[in-house]
Amino acid sequence: MSRMDYYRVLGVSREASEEEIKKAYRALVFEHHPDRNPDSADAESKIREINAAYEIVGDAEKRRSYDRLFWADEPRADVIDPSVILGEMEAKLFDEGRKELFAVLMKDVTRVKAELNIIRERTVAKQGYDSFLESVVAARAAEIINDFVTDDMDGRKQRLVEVATEMMLSQGVAKRGDQAGVRTLRHQLDAAFQNGRIHGIASALELFYERR
């Protein structure tokens, strides 16, 4: 399976204006509509592809999310295993979550140092000496994550996961009619972002950690 680029589907550049995208969409729908192509076996799948592309890049918020998540242009095989595509998307979402929380923690050094004291106490109690024990750090990060995540940040996460899910459906990672499969996919992508957030907290803590 080759990667699907929504801009290419609509025949526009990544710098296209909203009006240019809308104009291209209308022209493609007119050209490929099944009613105009009754003898084409591919007409319905083509129109679904066009509609899916326009649903994302025709919406300003979804387009911004799509641009953040889209794969960089690089040499690739024409056929790619869907599991590879899913893994790459999970990695992108993980990195988005990691960078988000890392940036938040770096603005609150006082809190970072307070958390390191708590982690140090738990680590010594668990193993008898101080070290940056990742299991303890991750557990504490999961406990405090909601202290740093705002409604705006969660809204952004939801938009990214929504667009990522649509991208994965377009790549055939799950079937649109399989509601359970789509829910599982969305949960998997959401978890990747959330795990990235936890890692972002841990990375900020590690930056200030000093063994005693």
Protein backbone atom coordinates (compact mmCIF):
# COMPACT_ATOMS: atom_id res chain seq x y z
CA MET A 1 0.00 0.00 0.00
CA SER A 2 1.38 3.39 -0.98
CA ARG A 3 1.11 6.42 1.24
CA MET A 4 -1.85 8.70 0.59
CA ASP A 5 -1.15 12.42 0.35
CA TYR A 6 -4.42 14.36 0.63
CA TYR A 7 -2.95 17.31 -1.24
CA ARG A 8 -2.07 15.08 -4.16
CA VAL A 9 -5.52 13.50 -4.06
CA LEU A 10 -7.02 16.96 -4.56
CA GLY A 11 -4.33 18.00 -7.02
CA VAL A 12 -3.23 21.07 -5.06
CA SER A 13 0.02 22.19 -3.47
CA ARG A 14 0.62 22.23 0.26
CA GLU A 15 0.54 26.03 0.08
CA ALA A 16 -2.88 26.13 -1.63
CA SER A 17 -5.43 28.60 -0.28
CA GLU A 18 -8.79 27.52 1.11
CA GLU A 19 -10.48 28.77 -2.05
CA GLU A 20 -8.08 26.83 -4.29
CA ILE A 21 -8.72 23.66 -2.30
CA LYS A 22 -12.49 24.14 -2.45
CA LYS A 23 -12.36 24.79 -6.20
CA ALA A 24 -10.24 21.67 -6.81
CA TYR A 25 -12.58 19.56 -4.67
CA ARG A 26 -15.69 20.67 -6.56
CA ALA A 27 -14.04 19.97 -9.90
CA LEU A 28 -12.97 16.47 -8.83
CA VAL A 29 -16.38 15.61 -7.42
CA PHE A 30 -17.99 16.74 -10.67
CA GLU A 31 -15.50 14.70 -12.70
CA HIS A 32 -15.54 11.48 -10.68
CA HIS A 33 -19.08 11.32 -9.29
CA PRO A 34 -20.51 7.79 -9.77
CA ASP A 35 -23.60 9.20 -11.50
CA ARG A 36 -21.35 10.60 -14.22
CA ASN A 37 -19.30 7.38 -14.41
CA PRO A 38 -21.86 4.54 -14.23
CA ASP A 39 -19.53 2.12 -16.01
CA SER A 40 -16.54 2.76 -13.74
CA ALA A 41 -15.88 0.17 -11.06
CA ASP A 42 -13.57 2.61 -9.25
CA ALA A 43 -15.85 5.65 -9.20
CA GLU A 44 -17.23 5.09 -5.70
CA SER A 45 -13.85 4.40 -4.11
CA LYS A 46 -12.40 7.43 -5.90
CA ILE A 47 -15.13 9.74 -4.63
CA ARG A 48 -14.67 8.40 -1.09
CA GLU A 49 -10.95 9.15 -1.36
CA ILE A 50 -11.65 12.70 -2.58
CA ASN A 51 -14.20 13.31 0.19
CA ALA A 52 -11.81 12.00 2.87
CA ALA A 53 -9.05 14.30 1.62
CA TYR A 54 -11.31 17.35 1.55
CA GLU A 55 -12.73 16.61 4.99
CA ILE A 56 -9.22 17.09 6.39
CA VAL A 57 -7.48 19.72 4.28
CA GLY A 58 -10.70 21.64 3.68
CA ASP A 59 -10.97 22.32 7.41
CA ALA A 60 -8.43 24.82 8.77
CA GLU A 61 -7.92 23.14 12.17
CA LYS A 62 -7.73 19.61 10.76
CA ARG A 63 -5.38 20.81 8.03
CA ARG A 64 -2.94 22.20 10.61
CA SER A 65 -3.02 18.89 12.46
CA TYR A 66 -2.54 16.97 9.21
CA ASP A 67 0.46 19.10 8.27
CA ARG A 68 2.06 18.32 11.65
CA LEU A 69 1.51 14.60 11.27
CA PHE A 70 2.21 14.07 7.58
CA TRP A 71 5.27 12.05 6.66
CA ALA A 72 8.22 14.01 5.35
CA ASP A 73 8.98 13.45 1.69
CA GLU A 74 11.66 10.82 1.49
CA PRO A 75 12.47 7.85 -0.72
CA ARG A 76 10.21 4.93 0.15
CA ALA A 77 9.05 1.70 -1.35
CA ASP A 78 5.84 2.05 -3.33
CA VAL A 79 4.19 -0.61 -1.20
CA ILE A 80 4.28 -0.25 2.58
CA ASP A 81 2.90 -2.58 5.24
CA PRO A 82 0.01 -0.88 7.09
CA SER A 83 1.59 -1.90 10.39
CA VAL A 84 4.68 0.12 9.45
CA ILE A 85 2.52 3.15 8.67
CA LEU A 86 0.70 2.76 12.00
CA GLY A 87 3.99 2.44 13.87
CA GLU A 88 5.31 5.62 12.29
CA MET A 89 2.12 7.50 13.19
CA GLU A 90 2.32 6.29 16.78
CA ALA A 91 5.92 7.53 16.90
CA LYS A 92 4.86 10.95 15.60
CA LEU A 93 2.07 11.25 18.17
CA PHE A 94 4.40 10.07 20.92
CA ASP A 95 6.89 12.78 19.97
CA GLU A 96 4.14 15.44 19.87
CA GLY A 97 3.09 14.50 23.40
CA ARG A 98 6.69 14.33 24.62
CA LYS A 99 7.60 17.78 23.31
CA GLU A 100 4.41 19.30 24.69
CA LEU A 101 4.91 18.25 28.32
CA PHE A 102 8.68 18.70 28.22
CA ALA A 103 8.15 22.36 27.26
CA VAL A 104 5.62 22.84 30.07
CA LEU A 105 7.91 21.37 32.74
CA MET A 106 10.89 23.41 31.56
CA LYS A 107 8.96 26.54 32.53
CA ASP A 108 8.46 25.32 36.11
CA VAL A 109 11.88 24.39 37.49
CA THR A 110 10.67 24.77 41.08
CA ARG A 111 8.07 22.06 40.52
CA VAL A 112 10.62 19.87 38.76
CA LYS A 113 12.95 19.99 41.75
CA ALA A 114 10.09 19.28 44.15
CA GLU A 115 9.10 16.24 42.10
CA LEU A 116 12.68 15.01 42.04
CA ASN A 117 12.70 15.04 45.85
CA ILE A 118 9.56 12.88 45.91
CA ILE A 119 11.01 10.50 43.32
CA ARG A 120 14.29 10.29 45.22
CA GLU A 121 12.48 9.30 48.43
CA ARG A 122 10.50 6.60 46.62
CA THR A 123 13.56 5.28 44.82
CA VAL A 124 15.63 4.99 48.01
CA ALA A 125 12.70 3.29 49.77
CA LYS A 126 12.43 0.80 46.92
CA GLN A 127 16.06 -0.11 46.27
CA GLY A 128 18.04 1.37 49.15
CA TYR A 129 20.02 3.96 47.18
CA ASP A 130 19.43 6.93 44.90
CA SER A 131 19.35 6.64 41.11
CA PHE A 132 17.13 7.78 38.26
CA LEU A 133 14.87 4.73 38.35
CA GLU A 134 12.69 4.92 35.26
CA SER A 135 9.82 2.84 36.65
CA VAL A 136 9.47 5.16 39.65
CA VAL A 137 9.79 8.25 37.48
CA ALA A 138 7.15 7.03 35.00
CA ALA A 139 4.77 6.14 37.81
CA ARG A 140 5.09 9.60 39.35
CA ALA A 141 4.73 11.25 35.94
CA ALA A 142 1.45 9.39 35.41
CA GLU A 143 0.25 10.61 38.82
CA ILE A 144 0.91 14.29 38.16
CA ILE A 145 0.24 14.61 34.44
CA ASN A 146 -3.18 16.19 34.95
CA ASP A 147 -1.57 19.03 36.91
CA PHE A 148 -0.01 20.28 33.67
CA VAL A 149 -2.50 19.39 30.92
CA THR A 150 -4.96 22.20 30.18
CA ASP A 151 -8.28 21.97 28.33
CA ASP A 152 -6.65 23.64 25.32
CA MET A 153 -3.88 21.05 25.31
CA ASP A 154 -6.39 18.21 25.48
CA GLY A 155 -8.38 19.79 22.67
CA ARG A 156 -5.25 19.90 20.54
CA LYS A 157 -4.53 16.26 21.35
CA GLN A 158 -8.05 15.24 20.36
CA ARG A 159 -7.73 17.05 17.03
CA LEU A 160 -4.39 15.38 16.31
CA VAL A 161 -5.76 11.93 17.20
CA GLU A 162 -8.88 12.52 15.10
CA VAL A 163 -6.84 13.47 12.05
CA ALA A 164 -4.34 10.66 12.65
CA THR A 165 -7.22 8.18 12.83
CA GLU A 166 -8.62 9.44 9.53
CA MET A 167 -5.17 9.17 7.94
CA MET A 168 -4.83 5.59 9.13
CA LEU A 169 -8.29 4.68 7.84
CA SER A 170 -7.35 6.12 4.45
CA GLN A 171 -4.26 3.89 4.51
CA GLY A 172 -6.34 0.79 5.23
CA VAL A 173 -5.00 0.24 8.74
CA ALA A 174 -8.62 -0.38 9.82
CA LYS A 175 -11.90 -0.59 7.92
CA ARG A 176 -14.31 2.33 8.26
CA GLY A 177 -17.28 0.00 8.77
CA ASP A 178 -15.56 -1.85 11.61
CA GLN A 179 -16.63 0.28 14.58
CA ALA A 180 -14.74 -1.83 17.12
CA GLY A 181 -11.63 -1.73 14.98
CA VAL A 182 -11.85 2.05 14.58
CA ARG A 183 -12.29 2.48 18.36
CA THR A 184 -9.27 0.29 18.99
CA LEU A 185 -7.23 2.28 16.48
CA ARG A 186 -8.25 5.61 18.02
CA HIS A 187 -7.45 4.32 21.51
CA GLN A 188 -4.04 3.09 20.31
CA LEU A 189 -3.19 6.49 18.81
CA ASP A 190 -4.45 8.33 21.88
CA ALA A 191 -2.31 6.10 24.09
CA ALA A 192 0.78 6.86 21.99
CA PHE A 193 0.28 10.60 22.57
CA GLN A 194 -0.37 10.08 26.29
CA ASN A 195 2.72 7.91 26.68
CA GLY A 196 4.70 10.65 24.96
CA ARG A 197 3.43 13.15 27.53
CA ILE A 198 4.61 10.91 30.36
CA HIS A 199 7.99 10.55 28.69
CA GLY A 200 8.15 14.34 28.27
CA ILE A 201 7.74 14.78 32.03
CA ALA A 202 10.38 12.13 32.67
CA SER A 203 12.80 13.79 30.23
CA ALA A 204 12.45 17.15 31.97
CA LEU A 205 13.02 15.54 35.35
CA GLU A 206 16.08 13.67 34.11
CA LEU A 207 17.58 16.91 32.85
CA PHE A 208 17.70 18.28 36.41
CA TYR A 209 18.43 15.03 38.22
CA GLU A 210 21.59 14.88 40.37
CA ARG A 211 22.45 11.71 42.21
CA ARG A 212 22.98 12.02 45.94
